[in-house]
C-alpha atoms as a PDB file:
ATOM      1  CA  MET A   1     -43.229 -23.789  -4.911  1.00  0.00           C
ATOM      2  CA  ASN A   2     -40.839 -21.511  -6.723  1.00  0.00           C
ATOM      3  CA  LEU A   3     -38.518 -20.252  -3.982  1.00  0.00           C
ATOM      4  CA  MET A   4     -36.778 -17.692  -6.199  1.00  0.00           C
ATOM      5  CA  LYS A   5     -39.211 -14.817  -5.793  1.00  0.00           C
ATOM      6  CA  THR A   6     -38.787 -11.522  -7.562  1.00  0.00           C
ATOM      7  CA  GLN A   7     -38.592  -8.242  -5.672  1.00  0.00           C
ATOM      8  CA  LYS A   8     -42.207  -7.478  -6.596  1.00  0.00           C
ATOM      9  CA  GLU A   9     -43.502 -10.923  -5.646  1.00  0.00           C
ATOM     10  CA  LEU A  10     -41.890 -10.565  -2.182  1.00  0.00           C
ATOM     11  CA  ALA A  11     -43.298  -7.081  -1.801  1.00  0.00           C
ATOM     12  CA  ILE A  12     -46.769  -8.440  -2.530  1.00  0.00           C
ATOM     13  CA  ILE A  13     -46.368 -11.106   0.098  1.00  0.00           C
ATOM     14  CA  ILE A  14     -45.203  -8.509   2.621  1.00  0.00           C
ATOM     15  CA  ILE A  15     -48.073  -6.171   1.759  1.00  0.00           C
ATOM     16  CA  ASP A  16     -50.640  -8.965   2.231  1.00  0.00           C
ATOM     17  CA  CYS A  17     -49.180  -9.813   5.658  1.00  0.00           C
ATOM     18  CA  LEU A  18     -48.961  -6.250   6.823  1.00  0.00           C
ATOM     19  CA  THR A  19     -52.492  -5.664   5.660  1.00  0.00           C
ATOM     20  CA  LYS A  20     -53.877  -8.653   7.541  1.00  0.00           C
ATOM     21  CA  TYR A  21     -52.317  -7.451  10.848  1.00  0.00           C
ATOM     22  CA  LYS A  22     -52.414  -3.669  10.241  1.00  0.00           C
ATOM     23  CA  LEU A  23     -54.729  -2.737  13.046  1.00  0.00           C
ATOM     24  CA  GLU A  24     -52.867  -4.874  15.610  1.00  0.00           C
ATOM     25  CA  LEU A  25     -49.560  -3.429  14.520  1.00  0.00           C
ATOM     26  CA  LYS A  26     -50.899   0.075  14.659  1.00  0.00           C
ATOM     27  CA  ASP A  27     -52.176  -0.427  18.186  1.00  0.00           C
ATOM     28  CA  LYS A  28     -48.917  -1.910  19.355  1.00  0.00           C
ATOM     29  CA  PHE A  29     -46.845   0.839  17.807  1.00  0.00           C
ATOM     30  CA  GLU A  30     -48.927   3.544  19.467  1.00  0.00           C
ATOM     31  CA  SER A  31     -49.070   1.872  22.883  1.00  0.00           C
ATOM     32  CA  SER A  32     -45.414   0.926  22.990  1.00  0.00           C
ATOM     33  CA  ILE A  33     -44.352   4.481  23.827  1.00  0.00           C
ATOM     34  CA  GLN A  34     -45.418   3.756  27.388  1.00  0.00           C
ATOM     35  CA  GLU A  35     -42.608   1.253  27.811  1.00  0.00           C
ATOM     36  CA  VAL A  36     -39.312   3.147  27.284  1.00  0.00           C
ATOM     37  CA  GLY A  37     -40.386   6.009  25.066  1.00  0.00           C
ATOM     38  CA  VAL A  38     -39.413   4.393  21.776  1.00  0.00           C
ATOM     39  CA  ARG A  39     -42.300   3.302  19.555  1.00  0.00           C
ATOM     40  CA  TYR A  40     -42.033  -0.122  17.889  1.00  0.00           C
ATOM     41  CA  CYS A  41     -43.983  -3.122  16.752  1.00  0.00           C
ATOM     42  CA  TYR A  42     -43.106  -6.477  15.203  1.00  0.00           C
ATOM     43  CA  LEU A  43     -44.689  -9.010  12.936  1.00  0.00           C
ATOM     44  CA  ASP A  44     -43.885 -12.750  12.991  1.00  0.00           C
ATOM     45  CA  ASP A  45     -44.155 -15.147  10.049  1.00  0.00           C
ATOM     46  CA  LEU A  46     -43.675 -12.354   7.564  1.00  0.00           C
ATOM     47  CA  LEU A  47     -42.930 -14.788   4.701  1.00  0.00           C
ATOM     48  CA  PRO A  48     -43.909 -18.411   4.044  1.00  0.00           C
ATOM     49  CA  ASP A  49     -41.378 -20.589   5.946  1.00  0.00           C
ATOM     50  CA  SER A  50     -40.091 -22.096   2.711  1.00  0.00           C
ATOM     51  CA  ILE A  51     -39.023 -18.669   1.386  1.00  0.00           C
ATOM     52  CA  ALA A  52     -37.590 -17.514   4.754  1.00  0.00           C
ATOM     53  CA  ASN A  53     -35.613 -20.761   4.937  1.00  0.00           C
ATOM     54  CA  ARG A  54     -34.197 -20.098   1.508  1.00  0.00           C
ATOM     55  CA  ILE A  55     -33.033 -16.604   2.591  1.00  0.00           C
ATOM     56  CA  CYS A  56     -31.428 -18.098   5.670  1.00  0.00           C
ATOM     57  CA  SER A  57     -29.666 -20.798   3.659  1.00  0.00           C
ATOM     58  CA  VAL A  58     -28.011 -18.400   1.184  1.00  0.00           C
ATOM     59  CA  PHE A  59     -27.056 -15.742   3.703  1.00  0.00           C
ATOM     60  CA  PRO A  60     -23.352 -14.923   3.236  1.00  0.00           C
ATOM     61  CA  ASP A  61     -20.671 -16.227   5.562  1.00  0.00           C
ATOM     62  CA  LYS A  62     -18.587 -13.692   7.570  1.00  0.00           C
ATOM     63  CA  VAL A  63     -15.570 -14.230   5.295  1.00  0.00           C
ATOM     64  CA  ASN A  64     -17.547 -12.487   2.557  1.00  0.00           C
ATOM     65  CA  MET A  65     -18.571  -9.610   4.770  1.00  0.00           C
ATOM     66  CA  ARG A  66     -16.928  -6.452   6.259  1.00  0.00           C
ATOM     67  CA  LEU A  67     -16.021  -6.663   9.929  1.00  0.00           C
ATOM     68  CA  MET A  68     -17.017  -3.569  12.009  1.00  0.00           C
ATOM     69  CA  SER A  69     -14.940  -3.791  15.242  1.00  0.00           C
ATOM     70  CA  SER A  70     -14.429  -1.183  18.011  1.00  0.00           C
ATOM     71  CA  PHE A  71     -15.396  -0.473  21.577  1.00  0.00           C
ATOM     72  CA  ARG A  72     -18.824   0.536  20.120  1.00  0.00           C
ATOM     73  CA  GLU A  73     -19.673  -2.586  18.171  1.00  0.00           C
ATOM     74  CA  ARG A  74     -18.571  -5.823  16.701  1.00  0.00           C
ATOM     75  CA  LYS A  75     -20.499  -7.205  13.701  1.00  0.00           C
ATOM     76  CA  TYR A  76     -20.195  -8.131   9.995  1.00  0.00           C
ATOM     77  CA  THR A  77     -22.009  -6.253   7.274  1.00  0.00           C
ATOM     78  CA  SER A  78     -22.312  -6.319   3.520  1.00  0.00           C
ATOM     79  CA  LYS A  79     -23.988  -4.685   0.579  1.00  0.00           C
ATOM     80  CA  LYS A  80     -22.296  -6.867  -2.053  1.00  0.00           C
ATOM     81  CA  PHE A  81     -25.650  -8.131  -3.392  1.00  0.00           C
ATOM     82  CA  ASP A  82     -24.291  -8.712  -6.876  1.00  0.00           C
ATOM     83  CA  GLN A  83     -21.966 -11.414  -5.442  1.00  0.00           C
ATOM     84  CA  PHE A  84     -24.736 -13.233  -3.520  1.00  0.00           C
ATOM     85  CA  ASP A  85     -27.936 -15.152  -4.247  1.00  0.00           C
ATOM     86  CA  GLN A  86     -30.508 -12.824  -5.937  1.00  0.00           C
ATOM     87  CA  ILE A  87     -33.145 -13.423  -3.305  1.00  0.00           C
ATOM     88  CA  LEU A  88     -31.108 -11.453  -0.759  1.00  0.00           C
ATOM     89  CA  LYS A  89     -31.190  -8.351  -2.846  1.00  0.00           C
ATOM     90  CA  ASN A  90     -34.860  -8.929  -3.786  1.00  0.00           C
ATOM     91  CA  MET A  91     -35.879  -9.154  -0.132  1.00  0.00           C
ATOM     92  CA  THR A  92     -33.881  -6.111   0.885  1.00  0.00           C
ATOM     93  CA  PHE A  93     -35.430  -3.898  -1.742  1.00  0.00           C
ATOM     94  CA  ALA A  94     -38.877  -5.435  -1.449  1.00  0.00           C
ATOM     95  CA  ILE A  95     -39.106  -3.708   1.970  1.00  0.00           C
ATOM     96  CA  GLN A  96     -38.520  -0.416   0.046  1.00  0.00           C
ATOM     97  CA  ASP A  97     -41.481  -1.031  -2.338  1.00  0.00           C
ATOM     98  CA  ALA A  98     -43.780   1.877  -2.578  1.00  0.00           C
ATOM     99  CA  GLY A  99     -46.821  -0.256  -1.436  1.00  0.00           C
ATOM    100  CA  VAL A 100     -44.939  -1.507   1.606  1.00  0.00           C
ATOM    101  CA  ILE A 101     -43.917   2.033   2.587  1.00  0.00           C
ATOM    102  CA  ARG A 102     -47.495   3.301   2.311  1.00  0.00           C
ATOM    103  CA  LEU A 103     -48.689   0.534   4.655  1.00  0.00           C
ATOM    104  CA  ILE A 104     -45.889   1.229   7.137  1.00  0.00           C
ATOM    105  CA  GLU A 105     -46.934   4.834   7.097  1.00  0.00           C
ATOM    106  CA  GLU A 106     -50.531   3.833   7.978  1.00  0.00           C
ATOM    107  CA  ILE A 107     -49.232   1.612  10.759  1.00  0.00           C
ATOM    108  CA  THR A 108     -46.819   4.168  12.323  1.00  0.00           C
ATOM    109  CA  GLY A 109     -48.542   7.405  11.485  1.00  0.00           C
ATOM    110  CA  ILE A 110     -45.244   8.731  10.162  1.00  0.00           C
ATOM    111  CA  VAL A 111     -45.928  10.196   6.730  1.00  0.00           C
ATOM    112  CA  ALA A 112     -44.054  11.269   3.597  1.00  0.00           C
ATOM    113  CA  GLN A 113     -41.476   8.583   3.934  1.00  0.00           C
ATOM    114  CA  SER A 114     -39.036   7.579   1.236  1.00  0.00           C
ATOM    115  CA  PRO A 115     -36.921   4.467   0.618  1.00  0.00           C
ATOM    116  CA  ASP A 116     -33.099   4.412   0.572  1.00  0.00           C
ATOM    117  CA  PRO A 117     -31.768   2.758  -2.479  1.00  0.00           C
ATOM    118  CA  SER A 118     -28.191   3.558  -1.403  1.00  0.00           C
ATOM    119  CA  LEU A 119     -28.773   1.494   1.793  1.00  0.00           C
ATOM    120  CA  TYR A 120     -26.981   4.100   3.910  1.00  0.00           C
ATOM    121  CA  ALA A 121     -26.080   1.983   6.957  1.00  0.00           C
ATOM    122  CA  GLY A 122     -28.560  -0.735   5.833  1.00  0.00           C
ATOM    123  CA  GLY A 123     -28.014  -4.026   4.113  1.00  0.00           C
ATOM    124  CA  LEU A 124     -27.032  -7.432   5.485  1.00  0.00           C
ATOM    125  CA  SER A 125     -25.819  -7.891   9.028  1.00  0.00           C
ATOM    126  CA  LEU A 126     -24.335 -11.012  10.700  1.00  0.00           C
ATOM    127  CA  MET A 127     -23.291 -11.402  14.356  1.00  0.00           C
ATOM    128  CA  GLU A 128     -21.438 -14.391  15.738  1.00  0.00           C
ATOM    129  CA  LYS A 129     -20.648 -15.476  19.285  1.00  0.00           C
ATOM    130  CA  GLY A 130     -19.213 -12.493  21.206  1.00  0.00           C
ATOM    131  CA  ASN A 131     -20.471  -9.862  18.758  1.00  0.00           C
ATOM    132  CA  PHE A 132     -22.459  -6.933  20.111  1.00  0.00           C
ATOM    133  CA  LEU A 133     -23.812  -3.512  19.349  1.00  0.00           C
ATOM    134  CA  ASN A 134     -23.756  -0.966  22.272  1.00  0.00           C
ATOM    135  CA  PRO A 135     -26.646   1.352  23.011  1.00  0.00           C
ATOM    136  CA  HIS A 136     -26.717   4.131  20.396  1.00  0.00           C
ATOM    137  CA  ILE A 137     -28.874   6.558  18.423  1.00  0.00           C
ATOM    138  CA  ASP A 138     -28.598   6.433  14.673  1.00  0.00           C
ATOM    139  CA  ASN A 139     -27.284   9.174  12.431  1.00  0.00           C
ATOM    140  CA  SER A 140     -30.167  11.585  12.109  1.00  0.00           C
ATOM    141  CA  HIS A 141     -29.882  11.959   8.293  1.00  0.00           C
ATOM    142  CA  GLU A 142     -28.915  10.144   5.060  1.00  0.00           C
ATOM    143  CA  MET A 143     -25.607  10.928   3.363  1.00  0.00           C
ATOM    144  CA  THR A 144     -26.657  14.295   1.822  1.00  0.00           C
ATOM    145  CA  ARG A 145     -28.261  15.493   5.092  1.00  0.00           C
ATOM    146  CA  SER A 146     -31.359  16.525   3.225  1.00  0.00           C
ATOM    147  CA  MET A 147     -33.701  13.911   4.733  1.00  0.00           C
ATOM    148  CA  TYR A 148     -34.309  12.763   8.329  1.00  0.00           C
ATOM    149  CA  ARG A 149     -34.003   9.060   9.252  1.00  0.00           C
ATOM    150  CA  THR A 150     -37.494   8.025  10.499  1.00  0.00           C
ATOM    151  CA  LEU A 151     -37.735   4.284  10.747  1.00  0.00           C
ATOM    152  CA  ASN A 152     -35.587   1.252  11.231  1.00  0.00           C
ATOM    153  CA  LEU A 153     -36.873  -2.060   9.731  1.00  0.00           C
ATOM    154  CA  LEU A 154     -35.126  -5.267  10.716  1.00  0.00           C
ATOM    155  CA  TYR A 155     -35.962  -8.682   9.289  1.00  0.00           C
ATOM    156  CA  TYR A 156     -34.353 -11.681  11.010  1.00  0.00           C
ATOM    157  CA  VAL A 157     -33.582 -14.997   9.343  1.00  0.00           C
ATOM    158  CA  ASN A 158     -31.624 -16.838  12.064  1.00  0.00           C
ATOM    159  CA  LYS A 159     -33.486 -20.150  12.719  1.00  0.00           C
ATOM    160  CA  ASN A 160     -34.407 -21.617  16.064  1.00  0.00           C
ATOM    161  CA  TRP A 161     -33.429 -18.460  17.891  1.00  0.00           C
ATOM    162  CA  SER A 162     -34.254 -17.873  21.567  1.00  0.00           C
ATOM    163  CA  PHE A 163     -33.658 -15.172  24.188  1.00  0.00           C
ATOM    164  CA  GLU A 164     -30.901 -17.116  25.848  1.00  0.00           C
ATOM    165  CA  LYS A 165     -28.744 -16.986  22.718  1.00  0.00           C
ATOM    166  CA  GLY A 166     -28.350 -13.187  22.905  1.00  0.00           C
ATOM    167  CA  GLY A 167     -28.219 -11.081  19.813  1.00  0.00           C
ATOM    168  CA  ASN A 168     -31.559  -9.557  20.761  1.00  0.00           C
ATOM    169  CA  LEU A 169     -32.706  -6.010  19.972  1.00  0.00           C
ATOM    170  CA  GLU A 170     -32.949  -3.809  23.061  1.00  0.00           C
ATOM    171  CA  LEU A 171     -34.701  -0.455  23.211  1.00  0.00           C
ATOM    172  CA  TRP A 172     -33.686   1.996  25.981  1.00  0.00           C
ATOM    173  CA  ASP A 173     -35.146   5.004  27.776  1.00  0.00           C
ATOM    174  CA  LYS A 174     -33.565   8.466  27.293  1.00  0.00           C
ATOM    175  CA  LYS A 175     -31.104   7.936  30.128  1.00  0.00           C
ATOM    176  CA  VAL A 176     -30.127   4.465  28.915  1.00  0.00           C
ATOM    177  CA  LYS A 177     -30.990   2.981  32.234  1.00  0.00           C
ATOM    178  CA  ARG A 178     -33.963   0.772  31.487  1.00  0.00           C
ATOM    179  CA  ASN A 179     -34.763  -1.324  28.428  1.00  0.00           C
ATOM    180  CA  VAL A 180     -37.200  -3.571  26.743  1.00  0.00           C
ATOM    181  CA  THR A 181     -35.971  -6.636  24.758  1.00  0.00           C
ATOM    182  CA  ILE A 182     -37.257  -7.810  21.462  1.00  0.00           C
ATOM    183  CA  GLU A 183     -36.098 -11.311  20.524  1.00  0.00           C
ATOM    184  CA  SER A 184     -34.472 -11.700  17.143  1.00  0.00           C
ATOM    185  CA  GLN A 185     -36.745 -14.505  16.105  1.00  0.00           C
ATOM    186  CA  PHE A 186     -36.666 -16.208  12.732  1.00  0.00           C
ATOM    187  CA  ASN A 187     -38.976 -14.697  10.071  1.00  0.00           C
ATOM    188  CA  ARG A 188     -39.733 -11.615  12.311  1.00  0.00           C
ATOM    189  CA  LEU A 189     -39.976  -8.021  11.006  1.00  0.00           C
ATOM    190  CA  VAL A 190     -39.333  -5.348  13.622  1.00  0.00           C
ATOM    191  CA  ILE A 191     -40.372  -1.696  12.946  1.00  0.00           C
ATOM    192  CA  MET A 192     -38.955   0.915  15.282  1.00  0.00           C
ATOM    193  CA  GLU A 193     -38.957   4.701  15.143  1.00  0.00           C
ATOM    194  CA  THR A 194     -35.703   6.685  14.833  1.00  0.00           C
ATOM    195  CA  ASN A 195     -35.260  10.066  16.559  1.00  0.00           C
ATOM    196  CA  PRO A 196     -32.857  11.900  18.935  1.00  0.00           C
ATOM    197  CA  TRP A 197     -33.814   9.552  21.863  1.00  0.00           C
ATOM    198  CA  SER A 198     -34.429   6.218  20.176  1.00  0.00           C
ATOM    199  CA  TRP A 199     -31.543   4.516  21.949  1.00  0.00           C
ATOM    200  CA  HIS A 200     -31.134   0.845  20.961  1.00  0.00           C
ATOM    201  CA  SER A 201     -28.668  -1.925  21.059  1.00  0.00           C
ATOM    202  CA  VAL A 202     -28.050  -5.610  20.352  1.00  0.00           C
ATOM    203  CA  SER A 203     -27.126  -7.831  23.352  1.00  0.00           C
ATOM    204  CA  PRO A 204     -23.966  -9.890  23.029  1.00  0.00           C
ATOM    205  CA  VAL A 205     -24.438 -13.154  21.117  1.00  0.00           C
ATOM    206  CA  THR A 206     -23.751 -16.021  23.488  1.00  0.00           C
ATOM    207  CA  ALA A 207     -24.527 -18.988  21.251  1.00  0.00           C
ATOM    208  CA  ASN A 208     -22.237 -20.658  18.711  1.00  0.00           C
ATOM    209  CA  GLU A 209     -24.696 -19.535  16.045  1.00  0.00           C
ATOM    210  CA  ASN A 210     -25.071 -16.594  13.694  1.00  0.00           C
ATOM    211  CA  ARG A 211     -27.664 -13.907  14.164  1.00  0.00           C
ATOM    212  CA  MET A 212     -28.608 -12.766  10.657  1.00  0.00           C
ATOM    213  CA  CYS A 213     -30.596  -9.652   9.677  1.00  0.00           C
ATOM    214  CA  VAL A 214     -31.716  -7.760   6.588  1.00  0.00           C
ATOM    215  CA  SER A 215     -31.741  -4.032   7.598  1.00  0.00           C
ATOM    216  CA  ASN A 216     -33.550  -1.080   6.029  1.00  0.00           C
ATOM    217  CA  TYR A 217     -34.200   2.526   6.933  1.00  0.00           C
ATOM    218  CA  TYR A 218     -36.802   4.992   5.712  1.00  0.00           C
ATOM    219  CA  PHE A 219     -36.215   8.686   5.486  1.00  0.00           C
ATOM    220  CA  SER A 220     -38.351  11.830   5.212  1.00  0.00           C
ATOM    221  CA  LYS A 221     -37.867  15.549   4.582  1.00  0.00           C
ATOM    222  CA  ILE A 222     -40.146  16.148   7.616  1.00  0.00           C
ATOM    223  CA  SER A 223     -38.409  16.062  11.001  1.00  0.00           C
ATOM    224  CA  PRO A 224     -39.856  13.335  13.207  1.00  0.00           C
ATOM    225  CA  ILE A 225     -39.818  15.705  16.154  1.00  0.00           C
ATOM    226  CA  GLY A 226     -41.221  18.775  14.456  1.00  0.00           C
ATOM    227  CA  ARG A 227     -37.966  20.837  14.484  1.00  0.00           C
ATOM    228  CA  GLU A 228     -34.573  20.723  12.866  1.00  0.00           C
ATOM    229  CA  TYR A 229     -31.834  18.702  14.485  1.00  0.00           C
ATOM    230  CA  PHE A 230     -28.647  16.780  13.514  1.00  0.00           C
ATOM    231  CA  ASN A 231     -26.524  14.118  15.153  1.00  0.00           C
ATOM    232  CA  VAL A 232     -23.968  11.556  14.116  1.00  0.00           C
ATOM    233  CA  THR A 233     -24.442   8.011  15.195  1.00  0.00           C
ATOM    234  CA  SER A 234     -23.885   8.418  18.922  1.00  0.00           C
ATOM    235  CA  PHE A 235     -23.012   5.692  21.347  1.00  0.00           C
ATOM    236  CA  SER A 236     -23.427   5.192  25.088  1.00  0.00           C
ATOM    237  CA  ALA A 237     -22.890   1.987  27.074  1.00  0.00           C
ATOM    238  CA  ARG A 238     -24.797  -0.336  29.356  1.00  0.00           C
ATOM    239  CA  PRO A 239     -25.701   1.034  32.880  1.00  0.00           C
ATOM    240  CA  GLU A 240     -22.926  -0.956  34.499  1.00  0.00           C
ATOM    241  CA  GLN A 241     -20.222   0.296  31.964  1.00  0.00           C
ATOM    242  CA  CYS A 242     -19.512   3.637  33.604  1.00  0.00           C
ATOM    243  CA  PHE A 243     -16.042   4.107  32.076  1.00  0.00           C
ATOM    244  CA  ARG A 244     -17.255   3.182  28.603  1.00  0.00           C
ATOM    245  CA  ARG A 245     -20.022   5.778  28.939  1.00  0.00           C
ATOM    246  CA  ILE A 246     -17.414   8.462  29.583  1.00  0.00           C
ATOM    247  CA  VAL A 247     -15.338   7.357  26.601  1.00  0.00           C
ATOM    248  CA  SER A 248     -18.439   7.196  24.370  1.00  0.00           C
ATOM    249  CA  GLY A 249     -19.457  10.696  25.356  1.00  0.00           C
ATOM    250  CA  LEU A 250     -16.051  12.044  24.393  1.00  0.00           C
ATOM    251  CA  ASP A 251     -16.082  10.085  21.188  1.00  0.00           C
ATOM    252  CA  ASN A 252     -19.549  11.382  20.285  1.00  0.00           C
ATOM    253  CA  GLY A 253     -18.468  15.011  20.876  1.00  0.00           C
ATOM    254  CA  ILE A 254     -15.415  14.742  18.716  1.00  0.00           C
ATOM    255  CA  ARG A 255     -17.327  13.095  15.821  1.00  0.00           C
ATOM    256  CA  ASN A 256     -20.095  15.636  15.990  1.00  0.00           C
ATOM    257  CA  MET A 257     -17.535  18.487  15.878  1.00  0.00           C
ATOM    258  CA  LEU A 258     -15.836  16.886  12.851  1.00  0.00           C
ATOM    259  CA  ARG A 259     -19.203  16.781  11.064  1.00  0.00           C
ATOM    260  CA  LEU A 260     -19.658  20.482  11.719  1.00  0.00           C
ATOM    261  CA  ILE A 261     -16.349  21.097  10.084  1.00  0.00           C
ATOM    262  CA  LYS A 262     -16.970  18.688   7.215  1.00  0.00           C
ATOM    263  CA  PRO A 263     -20.729  18.089   6.787  1.00  0.00           C
ATOM    264  CA  ILE A 264     -20.424  15.161   4.301  1.00  0.00           C
ATOM    265  CA  GLY A 265     -18.188  13.300   6.696  1.00  0.00           C
ATOM    266  CA  ILE A 266     -14.753  11.801   6.442  1.00  0.00           C
ATOM    267  CA  GLY A 267     -13.680   8.574   4.820  1.00  0.00           C
ATOM    268  CA  LYS A 268     -15.302   6.029   2.518  1.00  0.00           C
ATOM    269  CA  LYS A 269     -19.071   6.147   2.251  1.00  0.00           C
ATOM    270  CA  ASP A 270     -20.810   2.848   3.127  1.00  0.00           C
ATOM    271  CA  ILE A 271     -23.447   2.801   0.386  1.00  0.00           C
ATOM    272  CA  TYR A 272     -24.794   0.325  -2.162  1.00  0.00           C
ATOM    273  CA  VAL A 273     -23.998   0.856  -5.805  1.00  0.00           C
ATOM    274  CA  GLN A 274     -25.077  -1.604  -8.526  1.00  0.00           C
ATOM    275  CA  ASN A 275     -22.202  -3.980  -9.353  1.00  0.00           C
ATOM    276  CA  ASN A 276     -19.996  -2.411  -6.634  1.00  0.00           C
ATOM    277  CA  ASN A 277     -16.941  -4.179  -5.272  1.00  0.00           C
ATOM    278  CA  MET A 278     -17.218  -3.118  -1.585  1.00  0.00           C
END
């Protein structure tokens, strides 16, 4: 089997798999709102194992990625696709294929969605032992603030993963008191909605292994809640982290105020540009 699949070939494989399980995924997405109020679904065995194994084998090491480290999170990210194996870029943008998007719209009921070729906050993510991502809601818009963020799509390529290793996706209720956990299993695609109350996190990685993920977001000119709103990426903390919750609330307020003063934000924009050197 030719393991170097083009972007279109990967998109066709994804479309076939989504089509096969569309009704099940649609039912799960609709019913999941009863859990913590954030709709989601996931699909295992998205790609043939041989292709998923190849993506895993060529995933970049942390030395070739950007470290994000603060009280909010600790993880490594990258969009330097032109420096990595071509299949990583092909897989990332296959999830942005028009046919894939249309199927995701049918599954979620969220319409008029668009891809994000700039990968604003998307791309490759790696988390090693001790890394984490605290409960947060994503930035409501893309860089120009003309489109709302609607869906988060996460594809995991860490082999032989289990709940005990940590690094799992957690979805929280509006008060960030109660959660549901979705294991970051190999060759699994998770689809979750993004709105002002879609609190989510990644539990601390406890194993001496890397949790590896290909991340994508979809956007739409239509607000997912039927009215206008805006927020920066806003963090909270786990229920037992009372002081960190206070600090996070102050931090969120300051950053939201800065965005009111300067709508396009401050500092370097984390976006993908062909042949970039980020």
